[in-house]
Amino acid sequence: MDLITLVQGCAMVFTFGFFFSGSAAVLKVHQQKSVKNVNFLPYLAATLNCCLWAIYGHLKGDWLLILVNAVGCILQAIYIFIFMQNCDNKPHYLKKVFVLLTTCLGALSFAYLGTDLFDVVRSLGLFASTVTVLMFGSPLSVLRVVIATKSSEQISFPLSLMTVCNCFSWLLYGYLIKDSYVQVPNFFGLVLGIIQVLTIYQYPNKTSLTSQV
């Protein structure tokens, strides 16, 4: 087994782990019939991220990008559906979902109606890279609340840990295939993932600590 095959396998496993790590919060939402303390932004960002990279992978002929992101799109759609079923202010969240769908359709139109494939791939790669950084950093959107309450309840530790593992594997894969659009966002994602883990260490989840007493 050569190095790139090994890295592809690791990237696939860690990516699926990253996607499934979000299921813990969604399961809690389903059981409690409430979206309290669950951040919706990471699910929106992850869905858009998967859509863009699946398109990018198809244009580049990269089966790994296509496979993992197609699975990711399906899982994120399920997570969003469960969230929407249990949220109170549905119109508020529906607007965000509408923006997400519009953006995905716009990306599809741009990718397959564009005349210059090189420009399309470059532009889509840049857009996807930007969204990836936003996705990995989205859990930190509640950082002000975490610092104020001194509790990391709204940041998922499994998700943060898988972010670190996932980004490291994709950073290495991007280096091996010499694709800067894969390398750069995953470097920043790795840094953001480490920040999340350190934040959780600095501000432990008070709810979890209380339940252990």
N, C-alpha and C. Protein backbone atom coordinates (compact mmCIF):
# COMPACT_ATOMS: atom_id res chain seq x y z
N MET A 1 0.85 -1.20 0.00
CA MET A 1 0.00 0.00 0.00
C MET A 1 0.88 1.25 0.00
N ASP A 2 0.70 2.13 -1.01
CA ASP A 2 1.50 3.34 -1.07
C ASP A 2 0.94 4.40 -0.13
N LEU A 3 1.71 5.47 0.05
CA LEU A 3 1.37 6.49 1.03
C LEU A 3 0.05 7.18 0.70
N ILE A 4 -0.17 7.52 -0.57
CA ILE A 4 -1.37 8.26 -0.93
C ILE A 4 -2.64 7.44 -0.69
N THR A 5 -2.55 6.12 -0.90
CA THR A 5 -3.70 5.24 -0.64
C THR A 5 -4.00 5.20 0.86
N LEU A 6 -2.94 5.14 1.66
CA LEU A 6 -3.10 5.13 3.11
C LEU A 6 -3.74 6.44 3.59
N VAL A 7 -3.26 7.55 3.05
CA VAL A 7 -3.79 8.86 3.44
C VAL A 7 -5.24 9.01 2.99
N GLN A 8 -5.55 8.50 1.81
CA GLN A 8 -6.94 8.53 1.32
C GLN A 8 -7.87 7.78 2.28
N GLY A 9 -7.40 6.60 2.73
CA GLY A 9 -8.19 5.81 3.66
C GLY A 9 -8.41 6.53 4.98
N CYS A 10 -7.34 7.15 5.48
CA CYS A 10 -7.45 7.91 6.74
C CYS A 10 -8.38 9.11 6.59
N ALA A 11 -8.23 9.81 5.45
CA ALA A 11 -9.08 10.98 5.21
C ALA A 11 -10.55 10.58 5.15
N MET A 12 -10.83 9.44 4.53
CA MET A 12 -12.21 8.97 4.42
C MET A 12 -12.78 8.63 5.80
N VAL A 13 -12.00 7.89 6.59
CA VAL A 13 -12.46 7.49 7.92
C VAL A 13 -12.67 8.70 8.83
N PHE A 14 -11.70 9.61 8.83
CA PHE A 14 -11.80 10.78 9.70
C PHE A 14 -12.92 11.72 9.25
N THR A 15 -13.14 11.81 7.93
CA THR A 15 -14.22 12.67 7.45
C THR A 15 -15.57 12.12 7.85
N PHE A 16 -15.76 10.81 7.70
CA PHE A 16 -17.02 10.20 8.14
C PHE A 16 -17.18 10.37 9.65
N GLY A 17 -16.07 10.24 10.38
CA GLY A 17 -16.11 10.46 11.83
C GLY A 17 -16.51 11.89 12.16
N PHE A 18 -15.99 12.84 11.37
CA PHE A 18 -16.34 14.25 11.55
C PHE A 18 -17.83 14.48 11.31
N PHE A 19 -18.35 13.89 10.24
CA PHE A 19 -19.77 14.04 9.93
C PHE A 19 -20.66 13.41 11.00
N PHE A 20 -20.29 12.20 11.44
CA PHE A 20 -21.12 11.49 12.42
C PHE A 20 -20.99 12.09 13.82
N SER A 21 -19.91 12.82 14.07
CA SER A 21 -19.76 13.43 15.40
C SER A 21 -20.83 14.47 15.68
N GLY A 22 -21.41 15.01 14.62
CA GLY A 22 -22.49 15.97 14.80
C GLY A 22 -23.81 15.32 15.19
N SER A 23 -23.87 14.00 15.09
CA SER A 23 -25.12 13.30 15.39
C SER A 23 -25.46 13.32 16.87
N ALA A 24 -24.44 13.47 17.74
CA ALA A 24 -24.70 13.48 19.18
C ALA A 24 -25.61 14.64 19.56
N ALA A 25 -25.30 15.82 19.05
CA ALA A 25 -26.13 17.00 19.36
C ALA A 25 -27.52 16.87 18.75
N VAL A 26 -27.58 16.30 17.54
CA VAL A 26 -28.87 16.14 16.87
C VAL A 26 -29.73 15.11 17.60
N LEU A 27 -29.12 14.05 18.09
CA LEU A 27 -29.84 13.05 18.86
C LEU A 27 -30.41 13.65 20.14
N LYS A 28 -29.62 14.53 20.76
CA LYS A 28 -30.07 15.22 21.97
C LYS A 28 -31.28 16.11 21.64
N VAL A 29 -31.23 16.77 20.50
CA VAL A 29 -32.35 17.61 20.06
C VAL A 29 -33.61 16.77 19.87
N HIS A 30 -33.43 15.62 19.24
CA HIS A 30 -34.57 14.72 18.97
C HIS A 30 -35.18 14.19 20.26
N GLN A 31 -34.32 13.85 21.22
CA GLN A 31 -34.80 13.28 22.48
C GLN A 31 -35.48 14.34 23.35
N GLN A 32 -34.91 15.54 23.38
CA GLN A 32 -35.44 16.60 24.25
C GLN A 32 -36.51 17.45 23.55
N LYS A 33 -36.64 17.25 22.22
CA LYS A 33 -37.61 18.04 21.44
C LYS A 33 -37.34 19.53 21.61
N SER A 34 -36.07 19.88 21.69
CA SER A 34 -35.67 21.26 21.87
C SER A 34 -34.28 21.47 21.27
N VAL A 35 -34.05 22.67 20.69
CA VAL A 35 -32.75 22.98 20.09
C VAL A 35 -31.93 23.90 21.00
N LYS A 36 -32.32 23.98 22.27
CA LYS A 36 -31.62 24.82 23.23
C LYS A 36 -30.14 24.44 23.31
N ASN A 37 -29.28 25.45 23.26
CA ASN A 37 -27.83 25.29 23.36
C ASN A 37 -27.22 24.51 22.21
N VAL A 38 -27.94 24.40 21.08
CA VAL A 38 -27.39 23.75 19.89
C VAL A 38 -27.20 24.81 18.81
N ASN A 39 -25.97 24.96 18.35
CA ASN A 39 -25.62 25.96 17.35
C ASN A 39 -25.99 25.44 15.95
N PHE A 40 -26.85 26.18 15.23
CA PHE A 40 -27.33 25.76 13.91
C PHE A 40 -26.31 26.04 12.80
N LEU A 41 -25.47 27.04 13.00
CA LEU A 41 -24.54 27.47 11.95
C LEU A 41 -23.61 26.36 11.44
N PRO A 42 -23.01 25.53 12.32
CA PRO A 42 -22.13 24.49 11.80
C PRO A 42 -22.80 23.54 10.82
N TYR A 43 -24.09 23.26 10.99
CA TYR A 43 -24.80 22.35 10.09
C TYR A 43 -25.02 22.98 8.72
N LEU A 44 -25.33 24.27 8.72
CA LEU A 44 -25.48 24.99 7.45
C LEU A 44 -24.15 25.06 6.72
N ALA A 45 -23.10 25.41 7.46
CA ALA A 45 -21.77 25.55 6.86
C ALA A 45 -21.28 24.20 6.32
N ALA A 46 -21.53 23.13 7.07
CA ALA A 46 -21.09 21.80 6.65
C ALA A 46 -21.82 21.35 5.38
N THR A 47 -23.11 21.66 5.28
CA THR A 47 -23.88 21.28 4.10
C THR A 47 -23.36 22.00 2.86
N LEU A 48 -23.17 23.31 2.97
CA LEU A 48 -22.64 24.08 1.84
C LEU A 48 -21.24 23.60 1.49
N ASN A 49 -20.44 23.34 2.49
CA ASN A 49 -19.08 22.85 2.29
C ASN A 49 -19.08 21.55 1.49
N CYS A 50 -19.92 20.61 1.90
CA CYS A 50 -19.98 19.31 1.22
C CYS A 50 -20.45 19.45 -0.23
N CYS A 51 -21.45 20.31 -0.44
CA CYS A 51 -21.97 20.54 -1.79
C CYS A 51 -20.88 21.08 -2.70
N LEU A 52 -20.15 22.08 -2.24
CA LEU A 52 -19.10 22.71 -3.05
C LEU A 52 -17.96 21.75 -3.37
N TRP A 53 -17.53 20.97 -2.36
CA TRP A 53 -16.41 20.05 -2.59
C TRP A 53 -16.81 18.86 -3.44
N ALA A 54 -18.08 18.45 -3.37
CA ALA A 54 -18.55 17.37 -4.25
C ALA A 54 -18.51 17.84 -5.70
N ILE A 55 -18.93 19.08 -5.94
CA ILE A 55 -18.88 19.65 -7.30
C ILE A 55 -17.42 19.80 -7.75
N TYR A 56 -16.59 20.32 -6.87
CA TYR A 56 -15.17 20.51 -7.18
C TYR A 56 -14.52 19.16 -7.50
N GLY A 57 -14.84 18.15 -6.69
CA GLY A 57 -14.28 16.81 -6.91
C GLY A 57 -14.72 16.24 -8.25
N HIS A 58 -15.97 16.49 -8.63
CA HIS A 58 -16.48 15.99 -9.91
C HIS A 58 -15.76 16.65 -11.08
N LEU A 59 -15.55 17.96 -10.97
CA LEU A 59 -14.84 18.69 -12.03
C LEU A 59 -13.38 18.25 -12.14
N LYS A 60 -12.79 17.90 -11.00
CA LYS A 60 -11.38 17.48 -10.98
C LYS A 60 -11.21 15.98 -11.21
N GLY A 61 -12.32 15.23 -11.16
CA GLY A 61 -12.25 13.79 -11.32
C GLY A 61 -11.65 13.09 -10.12
N ASP A 62 -11.88 13.62 -8.92
CA ASP A 62 -11.34 13.06 -7.68
C ASP A 62 -12.45 12.28 -6.98
N TRP A 63 -12.37 10.95 -7.03
CA TRP A 63 -13.44 10.10 -6.48
C TRP A 63 -13.58 10.25 -4.96
N LEU A 64 -12.47 10.51 -4.28
CA LEU A 64 -12.51 10.63 -2.82
C LEU A 64 -13.33 11.85 -2.41
N LEU A 65 -13.07 12.98 -3.06
CA LEU A 65 -13.83 14.19 -2.76
C LEU A 65 -15.32 14.01 -3.05
N ILE A 66 -15.62 13.32 -4.15
CA ILE A 66 -17.02 13.09 -4.52
C ILE A 66 -17.71 12.21 -3.49
N LEU A 67 -17.08 11.10 -3.12
CA LEU A 67 -17.69 10.13 -2.22
C LEU A 67 -17.97 10.70 -0.84
N VAL A 68 -16.94 11.23 -0.20
CA VAL A 68 -17.12 11.67 1.18
C VAL A 68 -18.08 12.85 1.29
N ASN A 69 -18.05 13.72 0.29
CA ASN A 69 -18.92 14.89 0.36
C ASN A 69 -20.35 14.59 -0.05
N ALA A 70 -20.55 13.58 -0.90
CA ALA A 70 -21.92 13.15 -1.21
C ALA A 70 -22.58 12.57 0.04
N VAL A 71 -21.82 11.74 0.77
CA VAL A 71 -22.32 11.18 2.03
C VAL A 71 -22.57 12.31 3.03
N GLY A 72 -21.65 13.27 3.06
CA GLY A 72 -21.79 14.40 3.97
C GLY A 72 -23.04 15.22 3.70
N CYS A 73 -23.35 15.44 2.44
CA CYS A 73 -24.56 16.20 2.07
C CYS A 73 -25.81 15.51 2.60
N ILE A 74 -25.86 14.19 2.45
CA ILE A 74 -27.03 13.42 2.91
C ILE A 74 -27.17 13.51 4.42
N LEU A 75 -26.07 13.30 5.14
CA LEU A 75 -26.10 13.34 6.61
C LEU A 75 -26.49 14.73 7.12
N GLN A 76 -25.90 15.77 6.53
CA GLN A 76 -26.20 17.12 6.99
C GLN A 76 -27.65 17.48 6.72
N ALA A 77 -28.19 17.00 5.60
CA ALA A 77 -29.60 17.25 5.29
C ALA A 77 -30.50 16.61 6.34
N ILE A 78 -30.12 15.42 6.79
CA ILE A 78 -30.88 14.73 7.85
C ILE A 78 -30.81 15.51 9.15
N TYR A 79 -29.60 15.99 9.49
CA TYR A 79 -29.41 16.76 10.72
C TYR A 79 -30.27 18.03 10.70
N ILE A 80 -30.26 18.73 9.56
CA ILE A 80 -31.03 19.96 9.44
C ILE A 80 -32.53 19.68 9.54
N PHE A 81 -32.97 18.57 8.95
CA PHE A 81 -34.38 18.20 9.00
C PHE A 81 -34.82 17.97 10.45
N ILE A 82 -34.00 17.24 11.21
CA ILE A 82 -34.32 16.96 12.61
C ILE A 82 -34.32 18.26 13.42
N PHE A 83 -33.35 19.13 13.14
CA PHE A 83 -33.30 20.42 13.84
C PHE A 83 -34.56 21.23 13.56
N MET A 84 -34.97 21.28 12.29
CA MET A 84 -36.15 22.06 11.91
C MET A 84 -37.42 21.50 12.53
N GLN A 85 -37.48 20.20 12.73
CA GLN A 85 -38.65 19.58 13.32
C GLN A 85 -38.82 19.95 14.79
N ASN A 86 -37.72 20.35 15.43
CA ASN A 86 -37.77 20.59 16.88
C ASN A 86 -37.49 22.03 17.30
N CYS A 87 -37.29 22.92 16.33
CA CYS A 87 -37.02 24.32 16.70
C CYS A 87 -38.33 25.09 16.87
N ASP A 88 -38.29 26.17 17.61
CA ASP A 88 -39.48 26.97 17.86
C ASP A 88 -39.71 28.03 16.77
N ASN A 89 -38.68 28.77 16.48
CA ASN A 89 -38.80 29.87 15.51
C ASN A 89 -38.49 29.36 14.10
N LYS A 90 -39.38 28.58 13.53
CA LYS A 90 -39.13 27.95 12.23
C LYS A 90 -38.89 28.96 11.10
N PRO A 91 -39.68 30.04 10.99
CA PRO A 91 -39.43 30.99 9.90
C PRO A 91 -38.00 31.54 9.90
N HIS A 92 -37.46 31.78 11.08
CA HIS A 92 -36.10 32.29 11.21
C HIS A 92 -35.09 31.31 10.60
N TYR A 93 -35.23 30.04 10.92
CA TYR A 93 -34.30 29.04 10.41
C TYR A 93 -34.57 28.68 8.95
N LEU A 94 -35.83 28.77 8.54
CA LEU A 94 -36.18 28.49 7.15
C LEU A 94 -35.52 29.49 6.21
N LYS A 95 -35.40 30.72 6.64
CA LYS A 95 -34.73 31.74 5.83
C LYS A 95 -33.27 31.34 5.60
N LYS A 96 -32.64 30.83 6.63
CA LYS A 96 -31.24 30.42 6.52
C LYS A 96 -31.10 29.21 5.59
N VAL A 97 -32.05 28.27 5.69
CA VAL A 97 -32.03 27.10 4.82
C VAL A 97 -32.25 27.52 3.36
N PHE A 98 -33.13 28.49 3.16
CA PHE A 98 -33.39 28.99 1.80
C PHE A 98 -32.13 29.61 1.20
N VAL A 99 -31.41 30.39 1.99
CA VAL A 99 -30.15 30.99 1.53
C VAL A 99 -29.15 29.90 1.18
N LEU A 100 -29.11 28.84 2.01
CA LEU A 100 -28.22 27.72 1.75
C LEU A 100 -28.54 27.05 0.41
N LEU A 101 -29.82 26.74 0.18
CA LEU A 101 -30.23 26.08 -1.05
C LEU A 101 -29.96 26.96 -2.27
N THR A 102 -30.22 28.24 -2.14
CA THR A 102 -29.97 29.17 -3.24
C THR A 102 -28.48 29.22 -3.60
N THR A 103 -27.64 29.23 -2.57
CA THR A 103 -26.19 29.26 -2.79
C THR A 103 -25.71 27.98 -3.47
N CYS A 104 -26.24 26.84 -3.04
CA CYS A 104 -25.87 25.56 -3.64
C CYS A 104 -26.28 25.50 -5.11
N LEU A 105 -27.49 25.95 -5.40
CA LEU A 105 -27.97 25.96 -6.79
C LEU A 105 -27.14 26.93 -7.64
N GLY A 106 -26.76 28.05 -7.05
CA GLY A 106 -25.91 29.00 -7.76
C GLY A 106 -24.55 28.40 -8.10
N ALA A 107 -23.99 27.66 -7.15
CA ALA A 107 -22.70 27.00 -7.39
C ALA A 107 -22.81 25.94 -8.48
N LEU A 108 -23.89 25.19 -8.47
CA LEU A 108 -24.11 24.18 -9.51
C LEU A 108 -24.23 24.83 -10.89
N SER A 109 -24.98 25.89 -10.97
CA SER A 109 -25.16 26.59 -12.23
C SER A 109 -23.83 27.14 -12.74
N PHE A 110 -23.07 27.74 -11.84
CA PHE A 110 -21.78 28.30 -12.22
C PHE A 110 -20.82 27.22 -12.70
N ALA A 111 -20.83 26.07 -12.01
CA ALA A 111 -19.89 25.00 -12.32
C ALA A 111 -20.16 24.37 -13.68
N TYR A 112 -21.42 24.14 -13.99
CA TYR A 112 -21.73 23.37 -15.19
C TYR A 112 -22.23 24.21 -16.37
N LEU A 113 -22.38 25.51 -16.15
CA LEU A 113 -22.74 26.40 -17.26
C LEU A 113 -21.58 27.29 -17.67
N GLY A 114 -20.51 27.27 -16.87
CA GLY A 114 -19.33 28.07 -17.19
C GLY A 114 -18.63 27.56 -18.44
N THR A 115 -18.02 28.46 -19.18
CA THR A 115 -17.38 28.07 -20.45
C THR A 115 -15.90 27.72 -20.30
N ASP A 116 -15.23 28.34 -19.34
CA ASP A 116 -13.80 28.09 -19.14
C ASP A 116 -13.61 27.20 -17.91
N LEU A 117 -13.29 25.93 -18.14
CA LEU A 117 -13.19 24.96 -17.04
C LEU A 117 -12.12 25.37 -16.04
N PHE A 118 -10.99 25.89 -16.51
CA PHE A 118 -9.90 26.28 -15.60
C PHE A 118 -10.38 27.37 -14.64
N ASP A 119 -11.05 28.39 -15.19
CA ASP A 119 -11.54 29.49 -14.35
C ASP A 119 -12.63 29.01 -13.38
N VAL A 120 -13.47 28.09 -13.86
CA VAL A 120 -14.54 27.56 -13.02
C VAL A 120 -13.95 26.79 -11.83
N VAL A 121 -12.98 25.92 -12.12
CA VAL A 121 -12.34 25.11 -11.06
C VAL A 121 -11.62 26.01 -10.07
N ARG A 122 -10.92 27.00 -10.58
CA ARG A 122 -10.18 27.92 -9.71
C ARG A 122 -11.13 28.73 -8.82
N SER A 123 -12.18 29.27 -9.41
CA SER A 123 -13.14 30.07 -8.64
C SER A 123 -13.89 29.22 -7.62
N LEU A 124 -14.30 28.02 -8.05
CA LEU A 124 -15.03 27.13 -7.15
C LEU A 124 -14.12 26.65 -6.02
N GLY A 125 -12.86 26.37 -6.35
CA GLY A 125 -11.90 25.95 -5.33
C GLY A 125 -11.68 27.02 -4.28
N LEU A 126 -11.61 28.28 -4.74
CA LEU A 126 -11.43 29.40 -3.81
C LEU A 126 -12.66 29.57 -2.92
N PHE A 127 -13.84 29.48 -3.52
CA PHE A 127 -15.08 29.61 -2.76
C PHE A 127 -15.22 28.48 -1.74
N ALA A 128 -14.95 27.25 -2.20
CA ALA A 128 -15.04 26.08 -1.31
C ALA A 128 -14.04 26.19 -0.17
N SER A 129 -12.85 26.67 -0.46
CA SER A 129 -11.83 26.83 0.58
C SER A 129 -12.28 27.82 1.65
N THR A 130 -12.89 28.92 1.20
CA THR A 130 -13.38 29.93 2.14
C THR A 130 -14.47 29.37 3.03
N VAL A 131 -15.41 28.64 2.43
CA VAL A 131 -16.51 28.04 3.19
C VAL A 131 -15.98 27.00 4.18
N THR A 132 -14.95 26.26 3.77
CA THR A 132 -14.36 25.25 4.66
C THR A 132 -13.80 25.88 5.92
N VAL A 133 -13.09 26.98 5.75
CA VAL A 133 -12.53 27.68 6.92
C VAL A 133 -13.66 28.18 7.82
N LEU A 134 -14.72 28.72 7.21
CA LEU A 134 -15.88 29.19 7.99
C LEU A 134 -16.55 28.02 8.71
N MET A 135 -16.63 26.87 8.04
CA MET A 135 -17.26 25.70 8.65
C MET A 135 -16.49 25.24 9.89
N PHE A 136 -15.17 25.14 9.74
CA PHE A 136 -14.36 24.67 10.87
C PHE A 136 -14.32 25.70 12.00
N GLY A 137 -14.52 26.97 11.65
CA GLY A 137 -14.49 28.00 12.67
C GLY A 137 -15.86 28.32 13.24
N SER A 138 -16.93 27.79 12.61
CA SER A 138 -18.29 28.13 13.04
C SER A 138 -18.60 27.79 14.49
N PRO A 139 -18.06 26.68 15.06
CA PRO A 139 -18.33 26.44 16.49
C PRO A 139 -17.83 27.57 17.39
N LEU A 140 -16.83 28.32 16.90
CA LEU A 140 -16.29 29.42 17.70
C LEU A 140 -17.17 30.66 17.64
N SER A 141 -18.27 30.60 16.88
CA SER A 141 -19.20 31.74 16.83
C SER A 141 -19.86 31.97 18.19
N VAL A 142 -19.81 30.95 19.04
CA VAL A 142 -20.40 31.08 20.39
C VAL A 142 -19.32 31.32 21.44
N LEU A 143 -18.13 31.69 20.98
CA LEU A 143 -17.00 31.85 21.91
C LEU A 143 -17.29 32.90 22.98
N ARG A 144 -17.98 33.98 22.61
CA ARG A 144 -18.30 35.02 23.58
C ARG A 144 -19.18 34.47 24.70
N VAL A 145 -20.14 33.62 24.33
CA VAL A 145 -21.02 33.00 25.32
C VAL A 145 -20.22 32.05 26.21
N VAL A 146 -19.32 31.29 25.59
CA VAL A 146 -18.49 30.34 26.34
C VAL A 146 -17.66 31.06 27.39
N ILE A 147 -17.04 32.17 27.00
CA ILE A 147 -16.20 32.93 27.94
C ILE A 147 -17.05 33.57 29.03
N ALA A 148 -18.23 34.07 28.64
CA ALA A 148 -19.10 34.73 29.63
C ALA A 148 -19.63 33.75 30.66
N THR A 149 -20.00 32.55 30.21
CA THR A 149 -20.56 31.54 31.12
C THR A 149 -19.50 30.62 31.70
N LYS A 150 -18.28 30.72 31.13
CA LYS A 150 -17.17 29.84 31.53
C LYS A 150 -17.57 28.37 31.40
N SER A 151 -18.34 28.08 30.35
CA SER A 151 -18.77 26.71 30.07
C SER A 151 -18.79 26.49 28.56
N SER A 152 -18.22 25.37 28.12
CA SER A 152 -18.13 25.06 26.69
C SER A 152 -19.28 24.17 26.23
N GLU A 153 -20.42 24.28 26.89
CA GLU A 153 -21.57 23.41 26.60
C GLU A 153 -21.97 23.47 25.12
N GLN A 154 -21.83 24.64 24.50
CA GLN A 154 -22.28 24.80 23.12
C GLN A 154 -21.24 24.38 22.08
N ILE A 155 -20.07 23.95 22.55
CA ILE A 155 -19.04 23.45 21.63
C ILE A 155 -18.90 21.95 21.84
N SER A 156 -19.08 21.18 20.78
CA SER A 156 -19.02 19.73 20.87
C SER A 156 -17.57 19.25 20.86
N PHE A 157 -17.19 18.53 21.91
CA PHE A 157 -15.82 18.00 21.96
C PHE A 157 -15.56 16.96 20.87
N PRO A 158 -16.47 15.98 20.65
CA PRO A 158 -16.22 15.01 19.56
C PRO A 158 -16.05 15.70 18.22
N LEU A 159 -16.86 16.72 17.94
CA LEU A 159 -16.77 17.45 16.68
C LEU A 159 -15.43 18.19 16.58
N SER A 160 -15.00 18.79 17.67
CA SER A 160 -13.73 19.53 17.67
C SER A 160 -12.54 18.60 17.50
N LEU A 161 -12.60 17.46 18.17
CA LEU A 161 -11.51 16.48 18.06
C LEU A 161 -11.43 15.92 16.65
N MET A 162 -12.58 15.60 16.06
CA MET A 162 -12.60 15.06 14.70
C MET A 162 -12.19 16.13 13.69
N THR A 163 -12.42 17.39 14.01
CA THR A 163 -11.97 18.47 13.15
C THR A 163 -10.45 18.45 13.03
N VAL A 164 -9.77 18.26 14.16
CA VAL A 164 -8.31 18.20 14.17
C VAL A 164 -7.81 17.01 13.34
N CYS A 165 -8.36 15.83 13.58
CA CYS A 165 -7.94 14.63 12.85
C CYS A 165 -8.26 14.73 11.37
N ASN A 166 -9.46 15.22 11.07
CA ASN A 166 -9.92 15.35 9.69
C ASN A 166 -9.04 16.32 8.90
N CYS A 167 -8.80 17.49 9.48
CA CYS A 167 -8.03 18.50 8.78
C CYS A 167 -6.58 18.07 8.56
N PHE A 168 -6.01 17.38 9.52
CA PHE A 168 -4.63 16.92 9.36
C PHE A 168 -4.52 15.93 8.19
N SER A 169 -5.48 15.01 8.10
CA SER A 169 -5.43 14.01 7.02
C SER A 169 -5.62 14.66 5.65
N TRP A 170 -6.56 15.63 5.57
CA TRP A 170 -6.80 16.31 4.28
C TRP A 170 -5.67 17.26 3.92
N LEU A 171 -5.02 17.84 4.92
CA LEU A 171 -3.85 18.68 4.68
C LEU A 171 -2.74 17.85 4.04
N LEU A 172 -2.53 16.67 4.56
CA LEU A 172 -1.52 15.77 4.01
C LEU A 172 -1.91 15.29 2.61
N TYR A 173 -3.21 14.98 2.43
CA TYR A 173 -3.68 14.53 1.11
C TYR A 173 -3.51 15.65 0.08
N GLY A 174 -3.85 16.88 0.45
CA GLY A 174 -3.69 18.01 -0.45
C GLY A 174 -2.24 18.22 -0.84
N TYR A 175 -1.35 17.98 0.11
CA TYR A 175 0.09 18.10 -0.18
C TYR A 175 0.53 17.04 -1.18
N LEU A 176 0.05 15.82 -1.00
CA LEU A 176 0.45 14.72 -1.87
C LEU A 176 -0.06 14.89 -3.30
N ILE A 177 -1.28 15.45 -3.45
CA ILE A 177 -1.83 15.62 -4.80
C ILE A 177 -1.53 17.03 -5.34
N LYS A 178 -0.79 17.81 -4.53
CA LYS A 178 -0.38 19.17 -4.92
C LYS A 178 -1.58 20.05 -5.30
N ASP A 179 -2.55 20.08 -4.40
CA ASP A 179 -3.74 20.90 -4.60
C ASP A 179 -3.84 21.90 -3.45
N SER A 180 -3.49 23.16 -3.75
CA SER A 180 -3.47 24.19 -2.69
C SER A 180 -4.87 24.49 -2.16
N TYR A 181 -5.90 24.24 -2.98
CA TYR A 181 -7.27 24.49 -2.53
C TYR A 181 -7.70 23.49 -1.47
N VAL A 182 -7.06 22.35 -1.43
CA VAL A 182 -7.31 21.36 -0.39
C VAL A 182 -6.41 21.62 0.82
N GLN A 183 -5.16 22.00 0.55
CA GLN A 183 -4.20 22.21 1.62
C GLN A 183 -4.54 23.40 2.53
N VAL A 184 -4.70 24.57 1.93
CA VAL A 184 -4.81 25.82 2.70
C VAL A 184 -5.98 25.83 3.68
N PRO A 185 -7.23 25.51 3.23
CA PRO A 185 -8.33 25.57 4.20
C PRO A 185 -8.20 24.56 5.32
N ASN A 186 -7.58 23.42 5.02
CA ASN A 186 -7.43 22.41 6.06
C ASN A 186 -6.31 22.75 7.04
N PHE A 187 -5.36 23.55 6.60
CA PHE A 187 -4.36 24.07 7.54
C PHE A 187 -5.04 24.99 8.55
N PHE A 188 -5.86 25.92 8.04
CA PHE A 188 -6.58 26.82 8.93
C PHE A 188 -7.59 26.05 9.78
N GLY A 189 -8.21 25.03 9.20
CA GLY A 189 -9.15 24.21 9.95
C GLY A 189 -8.46 23.48 11.09
N LEU A 190 -7.23 23.02 10.84
CA LEU A 190 -6.46 22.35 11.88
C LEU A 190 -6.19 23.30 13.05
N VAL A 191 -5.81 24.53 12.72
CA VAL A 191 -5.55 25.54 13.75
C VAL A 191 -6.82 25.85 14.54
N LEU A 192 -7.93 26.05 13.82
CA LEU A 192 -9.21 26.37 14.48
C LEU A 192 -9.69 25.20 15.34
N GLY A 193 -9.47 23.97 14.87
CA GLY A 193 -9.85 22.79 15.64
C GLY A 193 -9.07 22.70 16.95
N ILE A 194 -7.78 23.01 16.88
CA ILE A 194 -6.95 23.00 18.08
C ILE A 194 -7.43 24.07 19.06
N ILE A 195 -7.80 25.24 18.53
CA ILE A 195 -8.33 26.32 19.39
C ILE A 195 -9.60 25.86 20.10
N GLN A 196 -10.46 25.15 19.37
CA GLN A 196 -11.71 24.66 19.97
C GLN A 196 -11.42 23.67 21.10
N VAL A 197 -10.50 22.75 20.85
CA VAL A 197 -10.14 21.76 21.88
C VAL A 197 -9.57 22.45 23.11
N LEU A 198 -8.70 23.43 22.89
CA LEU A 198 -8.11 24.18 24.01
C LEU A 198 -9.16 24.98 24.76
N THR A 199 -10.16 25.51 24.01
CA THR A 199 -11.25 26.26 24.65
C THR A 199 -12.06 25.35 25.57
N ILE A 200 -12.34 24.13 25.09
CA ILE A 200 -13.09 23.17 25.89
C ILE A 200 -12.30 22.78 27.14
N TYR A 201 -10.98 22.66 26.98
CA TYR A 201 -10.13 22.33 28.12
C TYR A 201 -10.12 23.47 29.14
N GLN A 202 -10.09 24.71 28.62
CA GLN A 202 -10.04 25.88 29.50
C GLN A 202 -11.38 26.13 30.19
N TYR A 203 -12.49 25.87 29.46
CA TYR A 203 -13.84 26.11 30.00
C TYR A 203 -14.66 24.81 29.91
N PRO A 204 -14.47 23.88 30.82
CA PRO A 204 -15.19 22.59 30.76
C PRO A 204 -16.70 22.79 30.78
N ASN A 205 -17.40 21.82 30.20
CA ASN A 205 -18.86 21.84 30.16
C ASN A 205 -19.42 21.68 31.57
N LYS A 206 -20.03 22.72 32.10
CA LYS A 206 -20.53 22.68 33.48
C LYS A 206 -21.66 21.69 33.65
N THR A 207 -22.44 21.51 32.59
CA THR A 207 -23.55 20.54 32.66
C THR A 207 -23.03 19.13 32.86
N SER A 208 -21.96 18.79 32.10
CA SER A 208 -21.37 17.46 32.21
C SER A 208 -20.75 17.25 33.59
N LEU A 209 -20.07 18.32 34.07
CA LEU A 209 -19.43 18.21 35.39
C LEU A 209 -20.46 18.03 36.48
N THR A 210 -21.60 18.75 36.37
CA THR A 210 -22.66 18.63 37.37
C THR A 210 -23.27 17.25 37.39
N SER A 211 -23.46 16.68 36.18
CA SER A 211 -24.07 15.35 36.08
C SER A 211 -23.18 14.26 36.62
N GLN A 212 -21.86 14.56 36.70
CA GLN A 212 -20.92 13.55 37.19
C GLN A 212 -20.83 13.56 38.71
N VAL A 213 -21.32 14.66 39.33
CA VAL A 213 -21.23 14.78 40.80
C VAL A 213 -22.26 13.90 41.48
